[in-house]
Amino acid sequence: MSKVNLGAKPLMYPQPVLIIATYDENGVPNAMNAAWGITTDYKEITISLADHKTTDNLKVHKAFTVSMGTKDQVTACDYVGLVSGKKVPDKFARAGFHATKSSFVDAPCIDELPLTLECKVKSYQDDILVGEIVNVSADESIITDGKVDIYKLQPISFDPFSMSYYGVGEKVGHAYKDGMKLK
């Protein structure tokens, strides 16, 4: 098999579509799309964020929410990634999002996105946000047998190679259950 060198680039699959929501200094909700994030401990999420309206808001409120982008909200999720909250102060509303204040942190939950991690800022240094996951809330519509159902959630992933979004959800095995073995 022959390989092609692509250079040093942040190209990895899958890249989750994370929508980070915060309140600004006046209590107005803001949201941004971030793909470079991952859970890094049982109650911790780490996200790479350069300077944004969101990072200004994090310094004021010390809290944020992270929602998974979904298939039915792909346009709104893309919009909040393309438009700056510093230039369009009402981009949250323009995206068609509505907010409900989290009961756990000083940040908005996006009503249209059914899975939300509610987080406190642990640190924000060198463009790396580390958050403590205080609660995970899920809309009843995506729950099956007490668990989040990926088929009902319909999360999307970002493809940095083609700059496109893809649906996620085909089961190909079950960790530690199916006895998946190498040949």
Protein backbone atom coordinates (compact mmCIF):
# COMPACT_ATOMS: atom_id res chain seq x y z
CA MET A 1 0.00 0.00 0.00
CA SER A 2 1.39 3.36 -1.05
CA LYS A 3 0.87 6.41 1.19
CA VAL A 4 0.53 10.07 0.28
CA ASN A 5 2.08 12.67 2.60
CA LEU A 6 -0.40 15.42 3.46
CA GLY A 7 1.79 17.47 5.78
CA ALA A 8 1.17 18.48 9.39
CA LYS A 9 -2.57 19.17 9.58
CA PRO A 10 -5.30 18.58 12.18
CA LEU A 11 -6.93 15.82 10.16
CA MET A 12 -8.59 13.08 12.17
CA TYR A 13 -11.83 11.14 12.10
CA PRO A 14 -14.36 11.51 13.52
CA GLN A 15 -14.39 15.16 14.52
CA PRO A 16 -17.43 15.85 16.67
CA VAL A 17 -19.49 18.94 16.00
CA LEU A 18 -19.53 20.59 19.40
CA ILE A 19 -21.70 23.65 19.90
CA ILE A 20 -20.42 25.66 22.85
CA ALA A 21 -22.91 28.04 24.45
CA THR A 22 -22.18 30.86 26.89
CA TYR A 23 -23.79 34.04 28.16
CA ASP A 24 -22.14 37.38 27.45
CA GLU A 25 -21.70 40.13 30.03
CA ASN A 26 -25.33 41.21 29.48
CA GLY A 27 -26.80 37.71 29.75
CA VAL A 28 -27.29 37.32 25.99
CA PRO A 29 -26.69 33.73 24.79
CA ASN A 30 -23.93 33.05 22.30
CA ALA A 31 -22.92 29.84 20.53
CA MET A 32 -19.99 28.67 18.45
CA ASN A 33 -19.09 25.51 16.55
CA ALA A 34 -15.88 23.74 17.59
CA ALA A 35 -14.57 20.46 16.19
CA TRP A 36 -11.37 20.10 18.19
CA GLY A 37 -12.69 18.69 21.43
CA ILE A 38 -12.80 15.45 23.36
CA THR A 39 -13.62 14.09 26.79
CA THR A 40 -10.30 13.77 28.59
CA ASP A 41 -11.42 12.26 31.89
CA TYR A 42 -14.58 10.86 33.43
CA LYS A 43 -15.93 14.35 34.23
CA GLU A 44 -13.77 16.50 31.98
CA ILE A 45 -13.84 17.90 28.45
CA THR A 46 -10.99 19.64 26.63
CA ILE A 47 -11.54 21.91 23.63
CA SER A 48 -9.09 23.91 21.53
CA LEU A 49 -10.41 27.47 21.16
CA ALA A 50 -8.64 30.51 19.79
CA ASP A 51 -9.88 34.04 20.60
CA HIS A 52 -13.67 34.27 20.15
CA LYS A 53 -16.66 35.99 21.73
CA THR A 54 -17.13 32.67 23.52
CA THR A 55 -13.69 32.87 25.15
CA ASP A 56 -14.48 36.43 26.31
CA ASN A 57 -17.71 35.09 27.84
CA LEU A 58 -15.90 32.20 29.56
CA LYS A 59 -13.76 34.68 31.45
CA VAL A 60 -16.88 36.45 32.78
CA HIS A 61 -19.17 33.55 33.68
CA LYS A 62 -16.68 30.66 34.18
CA ALA A 63 -19.25 28.27 32.68
CA PHE A 64 -20.42 26.87 29.35
CA THR A 65 -22.48 24.12 27.80
CA VAL A 66 -21.47 21.77 25.03
CA SER A 67 -24.15 20.28 22.80
CA MET A 68 -23.70 17.71 20.08
CA GLY A 69 -24.54 19.00 16.61
CA THR A 70 -27.36 16.98 15.05
CA LYS A 71 -28.50 16.07 11.56
CA ASP A 72 -31.68 18.17 11.75
CA GLN A 73 -29.74 21.22 13.02
CA VAL A 74 -26.72 21.01 10.69
CA THR A 75 -27.44 24.39 9.04
CA ALA A 76 -27.74 26.22 12.36
CA CYS A 77 -24.66 24.44 13.71
CA ASP A 78 -22.63 25.43 10.65
CA TYR A 79 -23.91 29.03 10.87
CA VAL A 80 -22.65 29.53 14.44
CA GLY A 81 -19.25 28.30 13.24
CA LEU A 82 -19.04 30.70 10.32
CA VAL A 83 -20.34 33.89 11.91
CA SER A 84 -18.49 35.76 14.66
CA GLY A 85 -20.38 36.75 17.79
CA LYS A 86 -18.12 39.81 17.94
CA LYS A 87 -19.58 40.99 14.61
CA VAL A 88 -23.13 39.58 14.86
CA PRO A 89 -24.23 39.89 18.49
CA ASP A 90 -27.56 38.11 17.89
CA LYS A 91 -26.13 35.14 15.96
CA PHE A 92 -27.66 32.71 18.49
CA ALA A 93 -31.16 33.92 17.62
CA ARG A 94 -30.35 34.23 13.90
CA ALA A 95 -29.34 30.56 13.93
CA GLY A 96 -32.87 29.80 15.15
CA PHE A 97 -31.66 28.69 18.57
CA HIS A 98 -33.58 29.24 21.81
CA ALA A 99 -32.00 29.09 25.25
CA THR A 100 -32.99 27.68 28.60
CA LYS A 101 -30.69 28.51 31.51
CA SER A 102 -28.86 25.51 32.89
CA SER A 103 -29.87 24.50 36.41
CA PHE A 104 -26.26 23.54 37.13
CA VAL A 105 -24.00 26.24 35.63
CA ASP A 106 -24.30 29.88 34.52
CA ALA A 107 -24.70 29.05 30.84
CA PRO A 108 -27.49 28.47 28.31
CA CYS A 109 -28.72 25.09 27.10
CA ILE A 110 -29.75 25.13 23.44
CA ASP A 111 -33.34 23.90 23.23
CA GLU A 112 -32.95 22.58 19.67
CA LEU A 113 -29.96 20.35 20.51
CA PRO A 114 -31.10 17.40 22.63
CA LEU A 115 -27.82 16.39 24.35
CA THR A 116 -25.94 18.87 26.52
CA LEU A 117 -22.88 18.73 28.75
CA GLU A 118 -23.12 21.44 31.42
CA CYS A 119 -19.64 22.55 32.43
CA LYS A 120 -17.62 24.79 34.74
CA VAL A 121 -14.35 26.24 33.48
CA LYS A 122 -11.41 24.46 35.12
CA SER A 123 -8.85 26.35 33.06
CA TYR A 124 -8.41 28.28 29.85
CA GLN A 125 -4.76 28.65 28.93
CA ASP A 126 -2.84 28.75 25.64
CA ASP A 127 -6.13 28.42 23.70
CA ILE A 128 -7.04 25.18 25.52
CA LEU A 129 -10.31 25.11 27.46
CA VAL A 130 -10.68 22.45 30.13
CA GLY A 131 -14.12 22.07 31.63
CA GLU A 132 -15.53 20.08 34.50
CA ILE A 133 -18.66 18.25 33.38
CA VAL A 134 -21.19 18.98 36.14
CA ASN A 135 -24.23 17.42 34.47
CA VAL A 136 -25.33 15.84 31.21
CA SER A 137 -28.90 16.52 30.18
CA ALA A 138 -30.73 14.69 27.42
CA ASP A 139 -34.15 15.31 25.94
CA GLU A 140 -36.52 12.42 26.58
CA SER A 141 -36.99 12.07 22.81
CA ILE A 142 -33.47 10.59 22.43
CA ILE A 143 -33.65 8.13 25.34
CA THR A 144 -34.18 4.38 24.89
CA ASP A 145 -34.09 2.08 27.92
CA GLY A 146 -32.63 4.86 30.08
CA LYS A 147 -29.70 5.59 27.73
CA VAL A 148 -29.00 8.07 24.95
CA ASP A 149 -29.88 6.39 21.65
CA ILE A 150 -27.43 7.39 18.91
CA TYR A 151 -30.03 6.64 16.23
CA LYS A 152 -32.46 9.09 17.83
CA LEU A 153 -29.80 11.71 18.60
CA GLN A 154 -28.43 11.64 15.04
CA PRO A 155 -25.11 13.35 15.86
CA ILE A 156 -23.01 14.74 13.05
CA SER A 157 -19.29 14.65 12.46
CA PHE A 158 -17.12 17.14 10.58
CA ASP A 159 -14.88 15.89 7.77
CA PRO A 160 -11.88 18.25 7.61
CA PHE A 161 -10.72 16.68 4.34
CA SER A 162 -13.83 17.62 2.36
CA MET A 163 -15.10 20.39 4.69
CA SER A 164 -18.41 18.52 4.97
CA TYR A 165 -20.70 17.14 7.66
CA TYR A 166 -21.68 13.50 7.92
CA GLY A 167 -24.24 11.63 9.95
CA VAL A 168 -23.03 9.16 12.56
CA GLY A 169 -24.77 6.05 13.71
CA GLU A 170 -23.96 2.73 12.04
CA LYS A 171 -23.22 0.10 14.68
CA VAL A 172 -20.27 -2.08 13.69
CA GLY A 173 -19.67 -3.94 16.97
CA HIS A 174 -20.07 -3.75 20.72
CA ALA A 175 -17.11 -3.14 23.02
CA TYR A 176 -16.27 -6.10 25.24
CA LYS A 177 -19.50 -7.91 24.41
CA ASP A 178 -19.37 -9.43 20.95
CA GLY A 179 -16.01 -11.10 21.57
CA MET A 180 -14.53 -9.30 18.60
CA LYS A 181 -11.20 -11.02 17.89
CA LEU A 182 -8.40 -10.59 15.44
CA LYS A 183 -8.10 -13.31 12.82
